[in-house]
Amino acid sequence: MLTQISRATLLSLAVAAGTAIAADKPSPQLDMAKAKQTAENVCAACHGLDGNSQISANPKLAGQHVDYLYKQLLNFKPQGGKPAERNNAVMGGMVAPLSNDELRALAVYYGEQKLKPEVAKNKATLDRGQKLWRAGDPSRGLPACAACHGPAGAGLPTQYPRIQGQFADYTETQLKAFRLSDRANDPASMMRMIAVKMTDAEIKAVADYAAGLR
């Protein structure tokens, strides 16, 4: 389990991230009809008509926290003359022509959709995945996933995504990307510091376990 200091640090980071997003919030007048059209005509090829991707390499977006989705979409765009925080040629091209208001509307659209969750598929690793999720490994300074993403994987808006029911393949890929610092848009390197302590087998086990959470 996390120490009290660790919990306080995580909380302060979450508050800071939320404040940053709030300061950049677009106007409340969002064109939801256009967002639906964009989702169905542009995004659907990878993420499905309603955000329930059928391809495990592409994340399910349905039911994800709006503020978290908005932050991720912003991170695919260069900001203030700086390169995008998430370097992805496909997503970078998709978000390039969209304004912040349009990105926020897309986030709202997907957040309102109902997730069609995946399931855990590897019974042999469920116990290992559950242990890492609930307790981590204090001997290695590895915190419980539940400390930030919740016991059922529901996450917290802005900072910690909903992971329950997500494709195990996608979660595994992202954890490995954090471990290699190929993905580096986590405040204070939180996910990078955690993933670097995990083996391939542990990453696979916890990703599969999370897919079955409800």
Protein backbone atom coordinates (compact mmCIF):
# COMPACT_ATOMS: atom_id res chain seq x y z
CA MET A 1 0.00 0.00 0.00
CA LEU A 2 1.05 3.62 -0.52
CA THR A 3 2.39 5.62 2.41
CA GLN A 4 0.50 8.71 3.58
CA ILE A 5 3.17 10.88 1.98
CA SER A 6 2.72 9.10 -1.32
CA ARG A 7 -1.04 9.54 -1.17
CA ALA A 8 -0.66 13.24 -0.44
CA THR A 9 1.73 13.61 -3.35
CA LEU A 10 -0.61 11.83 -5.74
CA LEU A 11 -3.53 13.96 -4.57
CA SER A 12 -1.62 17.21 -5.05
CA LEU A 13 -0.60 16.13 -8.55
CA ALA A 14 -4.18 15.30 -9.44
CA VAL A 15 -5.41 18.68 -8.16
CA ALA A 16 -2.68 20.50 -10.07
CA ALA A 17 -3.50 18.65 -13.27
CA GLY A 18 -7.19 19.38 -12.84
CA THR A 19 -6.47 23.07 -12.34
CA ALA A 20 -4.37 23.17 -15.49
CA ILE A 21 -7.15 21.60 -17.53
CA ALA A 22 -9.77 23.89 -16.03
CA ALA A 23 -7.71 26.95 -16.94
CA ASP A 24 -7.71 25.82 -20.56
CA LYS A 25 -11.38 24.84 -20.69
CA PRO A 26 -13.10 25.87 -23.90
CA SER A 27 -16.38 27.75 -23.91
CA PRO A 28 -19.41 25.81 -22.65
CA GLN A 29 -21.14 26.18 -26.02
CA LEU A 30 -20.12 22.90 -27.59
CA ASP A 31 -21.34 21.65 -30.95
CA MET A 32 -22.33 18.14 -29.97
CA ALA A 33 -23.95 17.41 -33.34
CA LYS A 34 -20.62 18.07 -35.04
CA ALA A 35 -18.80 16.01 -32.42
CA LYS A 36 -21.09 13.05 -33.15
CA GLN A 37 -20.50 13.50 -36.86
CA THR A 38 -16.73 13.60 -36.37
CA ALA A 39 -16.82 10.53 -34.15
CA GLU A 40 -18.88 8.54 -36.63
CA ASN A 41 -17.19 9.69 -39.84
CA VAL A 42 -13.57 10.10 -38.76
CA CYS A 43 -12.85 8.37 -35.45
CA ALA A 44 -15.07 5.31 -35.97
CA ALA A 45 -12.56 3.51 -38.18
CA CYS A 46 -10.32 2.98 -35.15
CA HIS A 47 -12.57 3.51 -32.14
CA GLY A 48 -15.99 2.33 -33.30
CA LEU A 49 -19.14 4.37 -33.88
CA ASP A 50 -19.79 4.77 -30.17
CA GLY A 51 -16.25 4.56 -28.83
CA ASN A 52 -16.31 0.80 -28.40
CA SER A 53 -13.35 -0.17 -30.52
CA GLN A 54 -13.31 -3.64 -32.04
CA ILE A 55 -9.54 -3.58 -32.46
CA SER A 56 -7.48 -4.34 -29.35
CA ALA A 57 -4.66 -2.04 -30.43
CA ASN A 58 -7.04 0.92 -30.24
CA PRO A 59 -8.55 1.86 -26.87
CA LYS A 60 -12.21 1.82 -26.00
CA LEU A 61 -13.19 5.45 -25.37
CA ALA A 62 -16.82 4.93 -24.38
CA GLY A 63 -17.51 5.91 -20.78
CA GLN A 64 -14.06 7.36 -20.22
CA HIS A 65 -13.75 10.44 -18.00
CA VAL A 66 -14.35 13.57 -20.06
CA ASP A 67 -11.51 15.60 -18.53
CA TYR A 68 -9.06 12.74 -19.01
CA LEU A 69 -10.07 12.28 -22.65
CA TYR A 70 -9.78 16.00 -23.26
CA LYS A 71 -6.30 16.08 -21.73
CA GLN A 72 -5.16 13.18 -23.90
CA LEU A 73 -6.53 14.78 -27.07
CA LEU A 74 -4.75 18.03 -26.20
CA ASN A 75 -1.54 16.10 -25.57
CA PHE A 76 -1.53 14.89 -29.18
CA LYS A 77 -1.31 18.54 -30.34
CA PRO A 78 1.76 20.79 -30.15
CA GLN A 79 1.16 23.49 -27.53
CA GLY A 80 2.86 26.87 -27.13
CA GLY A 81 5.47 26.14 -29.76
CA LYS A 82 6.44 22.89 -28.02
CA PRO A 83 6.13 19.39 -29.53
CA ALA A 84 3.11 17.30 -28.64
CA GLU A 85 3.43 15.49 -25.31
CA ARG A 86 2.18 12.30 -26.94
CA ASN A 87 4.01 11.57 -30.16
CA ASN A 88 1.62 9.65 -32.38
CA ALA A 89 1.56 10.40 -36.09
CA VAL A 90 -1.97 9.07 -36.64
CA MET A 91 -3.59 10.83 -33.69
CA GLY A 92 -1.53 13.95 -34.28
CA GLY A 93 -2.96 14.18 -37.77
CA MET A 94 -6.50 13.56 -36.54
CA VAL A 95 -6.52 16.29 -33.90
CA ALA A 96 -4.51 18.87 -35.87
CA PRO A 97 -7.50 20.50 -37.62
CA LEU A 98 -9.72 20.46 -34.51
CA SER A 99 -10.12 23.39 -32.14
CA ASN A 100 -10.04 22.98 -28.36
CA ASP A 101 -13.83 23.35 -28.31
CA GLU A 102 -14.14 20.53 -30.84
CA LEU A 103 -11.79 18.34 -28.82
CA ARG A 104 -13.78 19.00 -25.67
CA ALA A 105 -17.02 18.16 -27.48
CA LEU A 106 -15.52 14.87 -28.69
CA ALA A 107 -14.47 14.05 -25.15
CA VAL A 108 -18.00 14.76 -23.91
CA TYR A 109 -19.49 12.64 -26.68
CA TYR A 110 -17.37 9.61 -25.86
CA GLY A 111 -17.80 10.11 -22.14
CA GLU A 112 -21.57 9.84 -22.59
CA GLN A 113 -21.40 6.54 -24.46
CA LYS A 114 -21.85 3.21 -22.71
CA LEU A 115 -18.78 1.01 -22.43
CA LYS A 116 -19.03 -2.52 -23.77
CA PRO A 117 -16.33 -4.04 -21.54
CA GLU A 118 -13.82 -6.73 -22.30
CA VAL A 119 -13.21 -9.68 -19.99
CA ALA A 120 -10.17 -11.23 -18.33
CA LYS A 121 -9.04 -14.17 -20.45
CA ASN A 122 -6.09 -15.76 -18.67
CA LYS A 123 -7.19 -17.65 -15.56
CA ALA A 124 -3.62 -18.66 -14.82
CA THR A 125 -2.57 -15.08 -14.07
CA LEU A 126 -5.69 -13.74 -12.36
CA ASP A 127 -4.34 -14.19 -8.83
CA ARG A 128 -1.10 -12.45 -9.72
CA GLY A 129 -2.92 -9.61 -11.45
CA GLN A 130 -5.31 -9.20 -8.53
CA LYS A 131 -2.47 -9.04 -6.01
CA LEU A 132 -0.65 -6.35 -7.99
CA TRP A 133 -3.85 -4.40 -8.50
CA ARG A 134 -4.89 -4.48 -4.85
CA ALA A 135 -1.59 -4.42 -2.99
CA GLY A 136 1.29 -3.84 -5.40
CA ASP A 137 4.64 -5.06 -4.11
CA PRO A 138 5.89 -2.93 -1.18
CA SER A 139 9.23 -4.73 -1.16
CA ARG A 140 10.02 -3.12 -4.52
CA GLY A 141 8.23 0.16 -3.91
CA LEU A 142 5.52 -0.87 -6.38
CA PRO A 143 2.20 0.75 -5.39
CA ALA A 144 -1.19 -0.85 -5.81
CA CYS A 145 -2.92 0.07 -9.09
CA ALA A 146 -6.09 0.53 -7.06
CA ALA A 147 -4.53 3.44 -5.19
CA CYS A 148 -5.06 5.67 -8.22
CA HIS A 149 -7.43 3.76 -10.49
CA GLY A 150 -9.77 2.55 -7.75
CA PRO A 151 -10.66 -0.97 -6.56
CA ALA A 152 -12.91 -1.52 -9.59
CA GLY A 153 -10.74 0.34 -12.08
CA ALA A 154 -13.11 3.30 -12.39
CA GLY A 155 -10.30 5.84 -12.06
CA LEU A 156 -10.64 9.52 -11.23
CA PRO A 157 -11.51 12.36 -13.65
CA THR A 158 -8.67 14.26 -15.35
CA GLN A 159 -5.71 12.35 -13.97
CA TYR A 160 -6.50 8.67 -13.63
CA PRO A 161 -8.37 6.95 -16.46
CA ARG A 162 -11.06 4.32 -16.21
CA ILE A 163 -9.26 1.07 -16.99
CA GLN A 164 -11.98 -1.45 -16.17
CA GLY A 165 -13.09 -3.34 -19.27
CA GLN A 166 -10.31 -1.92 -21.45
CA PHE A 167 -8.52 -4.17 -23.92
CA ALA A 168 -5.74 -6.00 -22.10
CA ASP A 169 -3.54 -5.64 -25.19
CA TYR A 170 -3.92 -1.87 -25.17
CA THR A 171 -3.26 -1.54 -21.43
CA GLU A 172 -0.20 -3.76 -21.77
CA THR A 173 1.12 -1.69 -24.66
CA GLN A 174 0.70 1.56 -22.74
CA LEU A 175 2.42 0.22 -19.63
CA LYS A 176 5.38 -0.89 -21.73
CA ALA A 177 5.43 2.50 -23.46
CA PHE A 178 5.61 4.19 -20.05
CA ARG A 179 8.37 1.81 -19.00
CA LEU A 180 10.46 2.79 -22.03
CA SER A 181 9.44 6.46 -21.73
CA ASP A 182 8.01 6.24 -25.25
CA ARG A 183 4.90 7.67 -23.60
CA ALA A 184 5.76 10.50 -21.25
CA ASN A 185 2.66 12.59 -20.60
CA ASP A 186 2.23 11.38 -17.04
CA PRO A 187 2.72 14.21 -14.48
CA ALA A 188 5.86 13.82 -12.38
CA SER A 189 6.67 10.62 -14.31
CA MET A 190 4.31 8.68 -12.03
CA MET A 191 3.44 5.92 -14.48
CA ARG A 192 6.99 5.72 -15.78
CA MET A 193 8.35 5.21 -12.26
CA ILE A 194 5.79 2.46 -11.64
CA ALA A 195 6.06 0.64 -14.99
CA VAL A 196 9.85 0.50 -14.89
CA LYS A 197 9.57 -1.73 -11.79
CA MET A 198 7.28 -4.21 -13.53
CA THR A 199 8.27 -7.30 -15.51
CA ASP A 200 6.60 -8.23 -18.78
CA ALA A 201 4.73 -11.01 -16.98
CA GLU A 202 3.44 -8.61 -14.30
CA ILE A 203 2.32 -6.09 -16.88
CA LYS A 204 0.46 -8.77 -18.82
CA ALA A 205 -1.18 -10.15 -15.67
CA VAL A 206 -2.41 -6.81 -14.37
CA ALA A 207 -3.62 -5.72 -17.82
CA ASP A 208 -5.69 -8.88 -18.18
CA TYR A 209 -7.05 -8.54 -14.64
CA ALA A 210 -8.10 -4.94 -15.31
CA ALA A 211 -10.01 -6.01 -18.42
CA GLY A 212 -12.31 -8.06 -16.20
CA LEU A 213 -12.97 -5.39 -13.57
CA ARG A 214 -16.46 -3.95 -13.23
